[in-house]
mmCIF file of all heavy atoms, coordinates in Angstrom:
data_MODEL
# 
_entry.id   MODEL 
# 
loop_
_atom_site.group_PDB 
_atom_site.id 
_atom_site.type_symbol 
_atom_site.label_atom_id 
_atom_site.label_alt_id 
_atom_site.label_comp_id 
_atom_site.label_asym_id 
_atom_site.label_entity_id 
_atom_site.label_seq_id 
_atom_site.pdbx_PDB_ins_code 
_atom_site.Cartn_x 
_atom_site.Cartn_y 
_atom_site.Cartn_z 
_atom_site.occupancy 
_atom_site.B_iso_or_equiv 
_atom_site.pdbx_formal_charge 
_atom_site.auth_seq_id 
_atom_site.auth_comp_id 
_atom_site.auth_asym_id 
_atom_site.auth_atom_id 
_atom_site.pdbx_PDB_model_num 
ATOM 1   N N   . ALA A 1 1  ? 103.219 100.408 99.053  1.00 0.00 ? 1  ALA A N   1 
ATOM 2   C CA  . ALA A 1 1  ? 102.805 100.400 100.460 1.00 0.00 ? 1  ALA A CA  1 
ATOM 3   C C   . ALA A 1 1  ? 102.396 98.980  100.828 1.00 0.00 ? 1  ALA A C   1 
ATOM 4   O O   . ALA A 1 1  ? 102.296 98.106  99.964  1.00 0.00 ? 1  ALA A O   1 
ATOM 5   C CB  . ALA A 1 1  ? 101.624 101.356 100.660 1.00 0.00 ? 1  ALA A CB  1 
ATOM 6   N N   . GLN A 1 2  ? 102.151 98.776  102.093 1.00 0.00 ? 2  GLN A N   1 
ATOM 7   C CA  . GLN A 1 2  ? 101.676 97.465  102.526 1.00 0.00 ? 2  GLN A CA  1 
ATOM 8   C C   . GLN A 1 2  ? 100.280 97.191  101.980 1.00 0.00 ? 2  GLN A C   1 
ATOM 9   O O   . GLN A 1 2  ? 99.942  96.057  101.684 1.00 0.00 ? 2  GLN A O   1 
ATOM 10  C CB  . GLN A 1 2  ? 101.692 97.355  104.041 1.00 0.00 ? 2  GLN A CB  1 
ATOM 11  C CG  . GLN A 1 2  ? 103.085 97.267  104.603 1.00 0.00 ? 2  GLN A CG  1 
ATOM 12  C CD  . GLN A 1 2  ? 103.091 97.071  106.108 1.00 0.00 ? 2  GLN A CD  1 
ATOM 13  O OE1 . GLN A 1 2  ? 102.157 97.466  106.801 1.00 0.00 ? 2  GLN A OE1 1 
ATOM 14  N NE2 . GLN A 1 2  ? 104.152 96.467  106.605 1.00 0.00 ? 2  GLN A NE2 1 
ATOM 15  N N   . HIS A 1 3  ? 99.471  98.264  101.849 1.00 0.00 ? 3  HIS A N   1 
ATOM 16  C CA  . HIS A 1 3  ? 98.084  98.113  101.401 1.00 0.00 ? 3  HIS A CA  1 
ATOM 17  C C   . HIS A 1 3  ? 97.781  99.089  100.268 1.00 0.00 ? 3  HIS A C   1 
ATOM 18  O O   . HIS A 1 3  ? 98.340  100.188 100.204 1.00 0.00 ? 3  HIS A O   1 
ATOM 19  C CB  . HIS A 1 3  ? 97.122  98.341  102.566 1.00 0.00 ? 3  HIS A CB  1 
ATOM 20  C CG  . HIS A 1 3  ? 97.377  97.423  103.716 1.00 0.00 ? 3  HIS A CG  1 
ATOM 21  N ND1 . HIS A 1 3  ? 97.021  96.100  103.692 1.00 0.00 ? 3  HIS A ND1 1 
ATOM 22  C CD2 . HIS A 1 3  ? 98.009  97.638  104.902 1.00 0.00 ? 3  HIS A CD2 1 
ATOM 23  C CE1 . HIS A 1 3  ? 97.401  95.529  104.830 1.00 0.00 ? 3  HIS A CE1 1 
ATOM 24  N NE2 . HIS A 1 3  ? 98.008  96.440  105.574 1.00 0.00 ? 3  HIS A NE2 1 
ATOM 25  N N   . ARG A 1 4  ? 96.859  98.722  99.385  1.00 0.00 ? 4  ARG A N   1 
ATOM 26  C CA  . ARG A 1 4  ? 96.594  99.488  98.172  1.00 0.00 ? 4  ARG A CA  1 
ATOM 27  C C   . ARG A 1 4  ? 96.077  100.898 98.429  1.00 0.00 ? 4  ARG A C   1 
ATOM 28  O O   . ARG A 1 4  ? 96.415  101.814 97.678  1.00 0.00 ? 4  ARG A O   1 
ATOM 29  C CB  . ARG A 1 4  ? 95.637  98.727  97.258  1.00 0.00 ? 4  ARG A CB  1 
ATOM 30  C CG  . ARG A 1 4  ? 94.225  98.582  97.790  1.00 0.00 ? 4  ARG A CG  1 
ATOM 31  C CD  . ARG A 1 4  ? 93.341  97.778  96.831  1.00 0.00 ? 4  ARG A CD  1 
ATOM 32  N NE  . ARG A 1 4  ? 92.038  97.601  97.391  1.00 0.00 ? 4  ARG A NE  1 
ATOM 33  C CZ  . ARG A 1 4  ? 91.686  96.580  98.183  1.00 0.00 ? 4  ARG A CZ  1 
ATOM 34  N NH1 . ARG A 1 4  ? 92.556  95.644  98.479  1.00 0.00 ? 4  ARG A NH1 1 
ATOM 35  N NH2 . ARG A 1 4  ? 90.460  96.505  98.668  1.00 0.00 ? 4  ARG A NH2 1 
ATOM 36  N N   . SER A 1 5  ? 95.250  101.112 99.432  1.00 0.00 ? 5  SER A N   1 
ATOM 37  C CA  . SER A 1 5  ? 94.674  102.446 99.613  1.00 0.00 ? 5  SER A CA  1 
ATOM 38  C C   . SER A 1 5  ? 95.752  103.498 99.858  1.00 0.00 ? 5  SER A C   1 
ATOM 39  O O   . SER A 1 5  ? 95.681  104.602 99.310  1.00 0.00 ? 5  SER A O   1 
ATOM 40  C CB  . SER A 1 5  ? 93.627  102.457 100.724 1.00 0.00 ? 5  SER A CB  1 
ATOM 41  O OG  . SER A 1 5  ? 94.213  102.136 101.965 1.00 0.00 ? 5  SER A OG  1 
ATOM 42  N N   . ALA A 1 6  ? 96.753  103.185 100.650 1.00 0.00 ? 6  ALA A N   1 
ATOM 43  C CA  . ALA A 1 6  ? 97.838  104.137 100.906 1.00 0.00 ? 6  ALA A CA  1 
ATOM 44  C C   . ALA A 1 6  ? 98.622  104.417 99.623  1.00 0.00 ? 6  ALA A C   1 
ATOM 45  O O   . ALA A 1 6  ? 98.980  105.569 99.344  1.00 0.00 ? 6  ALA A O   1 
ATOM 46  C CB  . ALA A 1 6  ? 98.769  103.607 101.991 1.00 0.00 ? 6  ALA A CB  1 
ATOM 47  N N   . ALA A 1 7  ? 98.872  103.389 98.831  1.00 0.00 ? 7  ALA A N   1 
ATOM 48  C CA  . ALA A 1 7  ? 99.612  103.568 97.580  1.00 0.00 ? 7  ALA A CA  1 
ATOM 49  C C   . ALA A 1 7  ? 98.807  104.428 96.595  1.00 0.00 ? 7  ALA A C   1 
ATOM 50  O O   . ALA A 1 7  ? 99.359  105.333 95.957  1.00 0.00 ? 7  ALA A O   1 
ATOM 51  C CB  . ALA A 1 7  ? 99.961  102.220 96.964  1.00 0.00 ? 7  ALA A CB  1 
ATOM 52  N N   . PHE A 1 8  ? 97.502  104.173 96.474  1.00 0.00 ? 8  PHE A N   1 
ATOM 53  C CA  . PHE A 1 8  ? 96.647  104.990 95.606  1.00 0.00 ? 8  PHE A CA  1 
ATOM 54  C C   . PHE A 1 8  ? 96.663  106.448 96.056  1.00 0.00 ? 8  PHE A C   1 
ATOM 55  O O   . PHE A 1 8  ? 96.844  107.362 95.257  1.00 0.00 ? 8  PHE A O   1 
ATOM 56  C CB  . PHE A 1 8  ? 95.192  104.488 95.618  1.00 0.00 ? 8  PHE A CB  1 
ATOM 57  C CG  . PHE A 1 8  ? 94.897  103.410 94.622  1.00 0.00 ? 8  PHE A CG  1 
ATOM 58  C CD1 . PHE A 1 8  ? 94.625  102.122 95.055  1.00 0.00 ? 8  PHE A CD1 1 
ATOM 59  C CD2 . PHE A 1 8  ? 94.860  103.670 93.263  1.00 0.00 ? 8  PHE A CD2 1 
ATOM 60  C CE1 . PHE A 1 8  ? 94.338  101.112 94.150  1.00 0.00 ? 8  PHE A CE1 1 
ATOM 61  C CE2 . PHE A 1 8  ? 94.566  102.676 92.343  1.00 0.00 ? 8  PHE A CE2 1 
ATOM 62  C CZ  . PHE A 1 8  ? 94.307  101.385 92.796  1.00 0.00 ? 8  PHE A CZ  1 
ATOM 63  N N   . ASP A 1 9  ? 96.453  106.670 97.353  1.00 0.00 ? 9  ASP A N   1 
ATOM 64  C CA  . ASP A 1 9  ? 96.392  108.032 97.883  1.00 0.00 ? 9  ASP A CA  1 
ATOM 65  C C   . ASP A 1 9  ? 97.709  108.776 97.688  1.00 0.00 ? 9  ASP A C   1 
ATOM 66  O O   . ASP A 1 9  ? 97.711  109.950 97.317  1.00 0.00 ? 9  ASP A O   1 
ATOM 67  C CB  . ASP A 1 9  ? 96.009  108.007 99.365  1.00 0.00 ? 9  ASP A CB  1 
ATOM 68  C CG  . ASP A 1 9  ? 94.577  107.558 99.605  1.00 0.00 ? 9  ASP A CG  1 
ATOM 69  O OD1 . ASP A 1 9  ? 93.765  107.569 98.658  1.00 0.00 ? 9  ASP A OD1 1 
ATOM 70  O OD2 . ASP A 1 9  ? 94.273  107.176 100.759 1.00 0.00 ? 9  ASP A OD2 1 
ATOM 71  N N   . ALA A 1 10 ? 98.819  108.113 97.921  1.00 0.00 ? 10 ALA A N   1 
ATOM 72  C CA  . ALA A 1 10 ? 100.124 108.753 97.764  1.00 0.00 ? 10 ALA A CA  1 
ATOM 73  C C   . ALA A 1 10 ? 100.386 109.103 96.306  1.00 0.00 ? 10 ALA A C   1 
ATOM 74  O O   . ALA A 1 10 ? 100.879 110.202 95.991  1.00 0.00 ? 10 ALA A O   1 
ATOM 75  C CB  . ALA A 1 10 ? 101.227 107.848 98.302  1.00 0.00 ? 10 ALA A CB  1 
ATOM 76  N N   . CYS A 1 11 ? 100.062 108.206 95.411  1.00 0.00 ? 11 CYS A N   1 
ATOM 77  C CA  . CYS A 1 11 ? 100.269 108.444 93.984  1.00 0.00 ? 11 CYS A CA  1 
ATOM 78  C C   . CYS A 1 11 ? 99.442  109.657 93.533  1.00 0.00 ? 11 CYS A C   1 
ATOM 79  O O   . CYS A 1 11 ? 99.954  110.554 92.855  1.00 0.00 ? 11 CYS A O   1 
ATOM 80  C CB  . CYS A 1 11 ? 99.891  107.189 93.204  1.00 0.00 ? 11 CYS A CB  1 
ATOM 81  S SG  . CYS A 1 11 ? 100.511 107.154 91.521  1.00 0.00 ? 11 CYS A SG  1 
ATOM 82  N N   . ARG A 1 12 ? 98.199  109.696 93.942  1.00 0.00 ? 12 ARG A N   1 
ATOM 83  C CA  . ARG A 1 12 ? 97.330  110.828 93.575  1.00 0.00 ? 12 ARG A CA  1 
ATOM 84  C C   . ARG A 1 12 ? 97.849  112.136 94.166  1.00 0.00 ? 12 ARG A C   1 
ATOM 85  O O   . ARG A 1 12 ? 97.856  113.178 93.513  1.00 0.00 ? 12 ARG A O   1 
ATOM 86  C CB  . ARG A 1 12 ? 95.900  110.572 94.024  1.00 0.00 ? 12 ARG A CB  1 
ATOM 87  C CG  . ARG A 1 12 ? 94.993  111.704 93.634  1.00 0.00 ? 12 ARG A CG  1 
ATOM 88  C CD  . ARG A 1 12 ? 93.547  111.471 94.030  1.00 0.00 ? 12 ARG A CD  1 
ATOM 89  N NE  . ARG A 1 12 ? 92.750  112.368 93.241  1.00 0.00 ? 12 ARG A NE  1 
ATOM 90  C CZ  . ARG A 1 12 ? 91.736  112.012 92.498  1.00 0.00 ? 12 ARG A CZ  1 
ATOM 91  N NH1 . ARG A 1 12 ? 91.374  110.758 92.440  1.00 0.00 ? 12 ARG A NH1 1 
ATOM 92  N NH2 . ARG A 1 12 ? 91.069  112.900 91.812  1.00 0.00 ? 12 ARG A NH2 1 
ATOM 93  N N   . TYR A 1 13 ? 98.304  112.098 95.401  1.00 0.00 ? 13 TYR A N   1 
ATOM 94  C CA  . TYR A 1 13 ? 98.843  113.287 96.055  1.00 0.00 ? 13 TYR A CA  1 
ATOM 95  C C   . TYR A 1 13 ? 100.038 113.829 95.266  1.00 0.00 ? 13 TYR A C   1 
ATOM 96  O O   . TYR A 1 13 ? 100.134 115.033 95.002  1.00 0.00 ? 13 TYR A O   1 
ATOM 97  C CB  . TYR A 1 13 ? 99.258  112.959 97.488  1.00 0.00 ? 13 TYR A CB  1 
ATOM 98  C CG  . TYR A 1 13 ? 99.834  114.135 98.231  1.00 0.00 ? 13 TYR A CG  1 
ATOM 99  C CD1 . TYR A 1 13 ? 99.008  115.051 98.865  1.00 0.00 ? 13 TYR A CD1 1 
ATOM 100 C CD2 . TYR A 1 13 ? 101.206 114.341 98.305  1.00 0.00 ? 13 TYR A CD2 1 
ATOM 101 C CE1 . TYR A 1 13 ? 99.530  116.135 99.541  1.00 0.00 ? 13 TYR A CE1 1 
ATOM 102 C CE2 . TYR A 1 13 ? 101.744 115.421 98.977  1.00 0.00 ? 13 TYR A CE2 1 
ATOM 103 C CZ  . TYR A 1 13 ? 100.897 116.313 99.596  1.00 0.00 ? 13 TYR A CZ  1 
ATOM 104 O OH  . TYR A 1 13 ? 101.427 117.398 100.266 1.00 0.00 ? 13 TYR A OH  1 
ATOM 105 N N   . VAL A 1 14 ? 100.950 112.955 94.878  1.00 0.00 ? 14 VAL A N   1 
ATOM 106 C CA  . VAL A 1 14 ? 102.156 113.393 94.177  1.00 0.00 ? 14 VAL A CA  1 
ATOM 107 C C   . VAL A 1 14 ? 101.806 114.023 92.829  1.00 0.00 ? 14 VAL A C   1 
ATOM 108 O O   . VAL A 1 14 ? 102.328 115.090 92.491  1.00 0.00 ? 14 VAL A O   1 
ATOM 109 C CB  . VAL A 1 14 ? 103.173 112.250 94.017  1.00 0.00 ? 14 VAL A CB  1 
ATOM 110 C CG1 . VAL A 1 14 ? 104.331 112.665 93.116  1.00 0.00 ? 14 VAL A CG1 1 
ATOM 111 C CG2 . VAL A 1 14 ? 103.699 111.813 95.384  1.00 0.00 ? 14 VAL A CG2 1 
ATOM 112 N N   . ILE A 1 15 ? 100.924 113.433 92.053  1.00 0.00 ? 15 ILE A N   1 
ATOM 113 C CA  . ILE A 1 15 ? 100.610 114.024 90.758  1.00 0.00 ? 15 ILE A CA  1 
ATOM 114 C C   . ILE A 1 15 ? 99.837  115.333 90.928  1.00 0.00 ? 15 ILE A C   1 
ATOM 115 O O   . ILE A 1 15 ? 100.123 116.329 90.251  1.00 0.00 ? 15 ILE A O   1 
ATOM 116 C CB  . ILE A 1 15 ? 99.880  113.045 89.796  1.00 0.00 ? 15 ILE A CB  1 
ATOM 117 C CG1 . ILE A 1 15 ? 99.813  113.629 88.381  1.00 0.00 ? 15 ILE A CG1 1 
ATOM 118 C CG2 . ILE A 1 15 ? 98.513  112.658 90.282  1.00 0.00 ? 15 ILE A CG2 1 
ATOM 119 C CD1 . ILE A 1 15 ? 101.143 113.941 87.744  1.00 0.00 ? 15 ILE A CD1 1 
ATOM 120 N N   . ASP A 1 16 ? 98.890  115.379 91.853  1.00 0.00 ? 16 ASP A N   1 
ATOM 121 C CA  . ASP A 1 16 ? 98.122  116.607 92.065  1.00 0.00 ? 16 ASP A CA  1 
ATOM 122 C C   . ASP A 1 16 ? 99.011  117.752 92.549  1.00 0.00 ? 16 ASP A C   1 
ATOM 123 O O   . ASP A 1 16 ? 98.932  118.880 92.054  1.00 0.00 ? 16 ASP A O   1 
ATOM 124 C CB  . ASP A 1 16 ? 96.984  116.380 93.062  1.00 0.00 ? 16 ASP A CB  1 
ATOM 125 C CG  . ASP A 1 16 ? 95.854  115.543 92.485  1.00 0.00 ? 16 ASP A CG  1 
ATOM 126 O OD1 . ASP A 1 16 ? 95.824  115.299 91.254  1.00 0.00 ? 16 ASP A OD1 1 
ATOM 127 O OD2 . ASP A 1 16 ? 94.995  115.107 93.285  1.00 0.00 ? 16 ASP A OD2 1 
ATOM 128 N N   . GLU A 1 17 ? 99.862  117.479 93.524  1.00 0.00 ? 17 GLU A N   1 
ATOM 129 C CA  . GLU A 1 17 ? 100.751 118.513 94.059  1.00 0.00 ? 17 GLU A CA  1 
ATOM 130 C C   . GLU A 1 17 ? 101.813 118.913 93.038  1.00 0.00 ? 17 GLU A C   1 
ATOM 131 O O   . GLU A 1 17 ? 102.194 120.083 92.965  1.00 0.00 ? 17 GLU A O   1 
ATOM 132 C CB  . GLU A 1 17 ? 101.408 118.042 95.357  1.00 0.00 ? 17 GLU A CB  1 
ATOM 133 C CG  . GLU A 1 17 ? 100.436 117.940 96.524  1.00 0.00 ? 17 GLU A CG  1 
ATOM 134 C CD  . GLU A 1 17 ? 99.805  119.279 96.886  1.00 0.00 ? 17 GLU A CD  1 
ATOM 135 O OE1 . GLU A 1 17 ? 100.553 120.265 97.095  1.00 0.00 ? 17 GLU A OE1 1 
ATOM 136 O OE2 . GLU A 1 17 ? 98.560  119.346 96.987  1.00 0.00 ? 17 GLU A OE2 1 
ATOM 137 N N   . SER A 1 18 ? 102.283 117.972 92.256  1.00 0.00 ? 18 SER A N   1 
ATOM 138 C CA  . SER A 1 18 ? 103.268 118.291 91.225  1.00 0.00 ? 18 SER A CA  1 
ATOM 139 C C   . SER A 1 18 ? 102.689 119.266 90.211  1.00 0.00 ? 18 SER A C   1 
ATOM 140 O O   . SER A 1 18 ? 103.337 120.251 89.830  1.00 0.00 ? 18 SER A O   1 
ATOM 141 C CB  . SER A 1 18 ? 103.732 117.020 90.513  1.00 0.00 ? 18 SER A CB  1 
ATOM 142 O OG  . SER A 1 18 ? 104.460 116.194 91.386  1.00 0.00 ? 18 SER A OG  1 
ATOM 143 N N   . LYS A 1 19 ? 101.454 119.020 89.764  1.00 0.00 ? 19 LYS A N   1 
ATOM 144 C CA  . LYS A 1 19 ? 100.824 119.910 88.795  1.00 0.00 ? 19 LYS A CA  1 
ATOM 145 C C   . LYS A 1 19 ? 100.607 121.305 89.380  1.00 0.00 ? 19 LYS A C   1 
ATOM 146 O O   . LYS A 1 19 ? 100.692 122.302 88.675  1.00 0.00 ? 19 LYS A O   1 
ATOM 147 C CB  . LYS A 1 19 ? 99.507  119.321 88.307  1.00 0.00 ? 19 LYS A CB  1 
ATOM 148 C CG  . LYS A 1 19 ? 99.737  118.100 87.411  1.00 0.00 ? 19 LYS A CG  1 
ATOM 149 C CD  . LYS A 1 19 ? 98.527  117.651 86.662  1.00 0.00 ? 19 LYS A CD  1 
ATOM 150 C CE  . LYS A 1 19 ? 98.042  118.562 85.615  1.00 0.00 ? 19 LYS A CE  1 
ATOM 151 N NZ  . LYS A 1 19 ? 98.774  118.668 84.374  1.00 0.00 ? 19 LYS A NZ  1 
ATOM 152 N N   . ALA A 1 20 ? 100.359 121.382 90.686  1.00 0.00 ? 20 ALA A N   1 
ATOM 153 C CA  . ALA A 1 20 ? 100.091 122.660 91.332  1.00 0.00 ? 20 ALA A CA  1 
ATOM 154 C C   . ALA A 1 20 ? 101.357 123.424 91.722  1.00 0.00 ? 20 ALA A C   1 
ATOM 155 O O   . ALA A 1 20 ? 101.357 124.655 91.718  1.00 0.00 ? 20 ALA A O   1 
ATOM 156 C CB  . ALA A 1 20 ? 99.228  122.443 92.579  1.00 0.00 ? 20 ALA A CB  1 
ATOM 157 N N   . ARG A 1 21 ? 102.432 122.706 92.044  1.00 0.00 ? 21 ARG A N   1 
ATOM 158 C CA  . ARG A 1 21 ? 103.584 123.370 92.665  1.00 0.00 ? 21 ARG A CA  1 
ATOM 159 C C   . ARG A 1 21 ? 104.879 123.398 91.868  1.00 0.00 ? 21 ARG A C   1 
ATOM 160 O O   . ARG A 1 21 ? 105.761 124.208 92.179  1.00 0.00 ? 21 ARG A O   1 
ATOM 161 C CB  . ARG A 1 21 ? 103.872 122.693 94.014  1.00 0.00 ? 21 ARG A CB  1 
ATOM 162 C CG  . ARG A 1 21 ? 102.766 122.907 95.013  1.00 0.00 ? 21 ARG A CG  1 
ATOM 163 C CD  . ARG A 1 21 ? 102.809 122.017 96.221  1.00 0.00 ? 21 ARG A CD  1 
ATOM 164 N NE  . ARG A 1 21 ? 104.082 121.824 96.853  1.00 0.00 ? 21 ARG A NE  1 
ATOM 165 C CZ  . ARG A 1 21 ? 104.276 120.973 97.873  1.00 0.00 ? 21 ARG A CZ  1 
ATOM 166 N NH1 . ARG A 1 21 ? 103.257 120.278 98.359  1.00 0.00 ? 21 ARG A NH1 1 
ATOM 167 N NH2 . ARG A 1 21 ? 105.472 120.824 98.403  1.00 0.00 ? 21 ARG A NH2 1 
ATOM 168 N N   . LEU A 1 22 ? 105.040 122.545 90.892  1.00 0.00 ? 22 LEU A N   1 
ATOM 169 C CA  . LEU A 1 22 ? 106.329 122.484 90.197  1.00 0.00 ? 22 LEU A CA  1 
ATOM 170 C C   . LEU A 1 22 ? 106.446 123.568 89.125  1.00 0.00 ? 22 LEU A C   1 
ATOM 171 O O   . LEU A 1 22 ? 105.489 123.831 88.397  1.00 0.00 ? 22 LEU A O   1 
ATOM 172 C CB  . LEU A 1 22 ? 106.535 121.119 89.550  1.00 0.00 ? 22 LEU A CB  1 
ATOM 173 C CG  . LEU A 1 22 ? 106.620 119.929 90.498  1.00 0.00 ? 22 LEU A CG  1 
ATOM 174 C CD1 . LEU A 1 22 ? 106.928 118.659 89.720  1.00 0.00 ? 22 LEU A CD1 1 
ATOM 175 C CD2 . LEU A 1 22 ? 107.659 120.153 91.582  1.00 0.00 ? 22 LEU A CD2 1 
ATOM 176 N N   . PRO A 1 23 ? 107.621 124.187 88.997  1.00 0.00 ? 23 PRO A N   1 
ATOM 177 C CA  . PRO A 1 23 ? 107.835 125.180 87.946  1.00 0.00 ? 23 PRO A CA  1 
ATOM 178 C C   . PRO A 1 23 ? 108.105 124.488 86.601  1.00 0.00 ? 23 PRO A C   1 
ATOM 179 O O   . PRO A 1 23 ? 109.235 124.420 86.119  1.00 0.00 ? 23 PRO A O   1 
ATOM 180 C CB  . PRO A 1 23 ? 109.058 125.967 88.448  1.00 0.00 ? 23 PRO A CB  1 
ATOM 181 C CG  . PRO A 1 23 ? 109.821 124.968 89.272  1.00 0.00 ? 23 PRO A CG  1 
ATOM 182 C CD  . PRO A 1 23 ? 108.776 124.075 89.905  1.00 0.00 ? 23 PRO A CD  1 
ATOM 183 N N   . ILE A 1 24 ? 107.024 123.911 86.064  1.00 0.00 ? 24 ILE A N   1 
ATOM 184 C CA  . ILE A 1 24 ? 107.054 123.234 84.770  1.00 0.00 ? 24 ILE A CA  1 
ATOM 185 C C   . ILE A 1 24 ? 105.946 123.856 83.926  1.00 0.00 ? 24 ILE A C   1 
ATOM 186 O O   . ILE A 1 24 ? 104.809 123.968 84.388  1.00 0.00 ? 24 ILE A O   1 
ATOM 187 C CB  . ILE A 1 24 ? 106.836 121.716 84.908  1.00 0.00 ? 24 ILE A CB  1 
ATOM 188 C CG1 . ILE A 1 24 ? 107.964 121.087 85.732  1.00 0.00 ? 24 ILE A CG1 1 
ATOM 189 C CG2 . ILE A 1 24 ? 106.706 121.050 83.540  1.00 0.00 ? 24 ILE A CG2 1 
ATOM 190 C CD1 . ILE A 1 24 ? 107.781 119.612 86.031  1.00 0.00 ? 24 ILE A CD1 1 
ATOM 191 N N   . TRP A 1 25 ? 106.305 124.248 82.698  1.00 0.00 ? 25 TRP A N   1 
ATOM 192 C CA  . TRP A 1 25 ? 105.357 124.905 81.811  1.00 0.00 ? 25 TRP A CA  1 
ATOM 193 C C   . TRP A 1 25 ? 105.164 124.074 80.561  1.00 0.00 ? 25 TRP A C   1 
ATOM 194 O O   . TRP A 1 25 ? 106.090 123.466 80.051  1.00 0.00 ? 25 TRP A O   1 
ATOM 195 C CB  . TRP A 1 25 ? 105.860 126.308 81.467  1.00 0.00 ? 25 TRP A CB  1 
ATOM 196 C CG  . TRP A 1 25 ? 106.059 127.110 82.710  1.00 0.00 ? 25 TRP A CG  1 
ATOM 197 C CD1 . TRP A 1 25 ? 105.098 127.761 83.427  1.00 0.00 ? 25 TRP A CD1 1 
ATOM 198 C CD2 . TRP A 1 25 ? 107.286 127.305 83.417  1.00 0.00 ? 25 TRP A CD2 1 
ATOM 199 N NE1 . TRP A 1 25 ? 105.657 128.361 84.537  1.00 0.00 ? 25 TRP A NE1 1 
ATOM 200 C CE2 . TRP A 1 25 ? 107.010 128.094 84.557  1.00 0.00 ? 25 TRP A CE2 1 
ATOM 201 C CE3 . TRP A 1 25 ? 108.611 126.893 83.205  1.00 0.00 ? 25 TRP A CE3 1 
ATOM 202 C CZ2 . TRP A 1 25 ? 107.978 128.484 85.463  1.00 0.00 ? 25 TRP A CZ2 1 
ATOM 203 C CZ3 . TRP A 1 25 ? 109.587 127.272 84.118  1.00 0.00 ? 25 TRP A CZ3 1 
ATOM 204 C CH2 . TRP A 1 25 ? 109.265 128.061 85.224  1.00 0.00 ? 25 TRP A CH2 1 
ATOM 205 N N   . LYS A 1 26 ? 103.928 124.104 80.057  1.00 0.00 ? 26 LYS A N   1 
ATOM 206 C CA  . LYS A 1 26 ? 103.552 123.254 78.933  1.00 0.00 ? 26 LYS A CA  1 
ATOM 207 C C   . LYS A 1 26 ? 102.988 124.109 77.800  1.00 0.00 ? 26 LYS A C   1 
ATOM 208 O O   . LYS A 1 26 ? 102.078 124.906 78.006  1.00 0.00 ? 26 LYS A O   1 
ATOM 209 C CB  . LYS A 1 26 ? 102.499 122.239 79.417  1.00 0.00 ? 26 LYS A CB  1 
ATOM 210 C CG  . LYS A 1 26 ? 101.933 121.344 78.354  1.00 0.00 ? 26 LYS A CG  1 
ATOM 211 C CD  . LYS A 1 26 ? 101.095 120.201 78.910  1.00 0.00 ? 26 LYS A CD  1 
ATOM 212 C CE  . LYS A 1 26 ? 99.906  120.587 79.709  1.00 0.00 ? 26 LYS A CE  1 
ATOM 213 N NZ  . LYS A 1 26 ? 99.047  119.435 80.055  1.00 0.00 ? 26 LYS A NZ  1 
ATOM 214 N N   . ARG A 1 27 ? 103.547 123.912 76.599  1.00 0.00 ? 27 ARG A N   1 
ATOM 215 C CA  . ARG A 1 27 ? 103.038 124.582 75.403  1.00 0.00 ? 27 ARG A CA  1 
ATOM 216 C C   . ARG A 1 27 ? 102.564 123.523 74.429  1.00 0.00 ? 27 ARG A C   1 
ATOM 217 O O   . ARG A 1 27 ? 103.314 122.620 74.052  1.00 0.00 ? 27 ARG A O   1 
ATOM 218 C CB  . ARG A 1 27 ? 104.111 125.438 74.748  1.00 0.00 ? 27 ARG A CB  1 
ATOM 219 C CG  . ARG A 1 27 ? 103.586 126.176 73.509  1.00 0.00 ? 27 ARG A CG  1 
ATOM 220 C CD  . ARG A 1 27 ? 104.600 127.096 72.890  1.00 0.00 ? 27 ARG A CD  1 
ATOM 221 N NE  . ARG A 1 27 ? 105.794 126.345 72.536  1.00 0.00 ? 27 ARG A NE  1 
ATOM 222 C CZ  . ARG A 1 27 ? 106.967 126.897 72.328  1.00 0.00 ? 27 ARG A CZ  1 
ATOM 223 N NH1 . ARG A 1 27 ? 107.132 128.193 72.475  1.00 0.00 ? 27 ARG A NH1 1 
ATOM 224 N NH2 . ARG A 1 27 ? 108.010 126.157 71.990  1.00 0.00 ? 27 ARG A NH2 1 
# 
């Protein structure tokens, strides 16, 4: 992003939503 806060927020959003929504299972 142009500025760090947007890049931090987007990165956190993607990992948090991925863990909650993706059909990926871990053993």
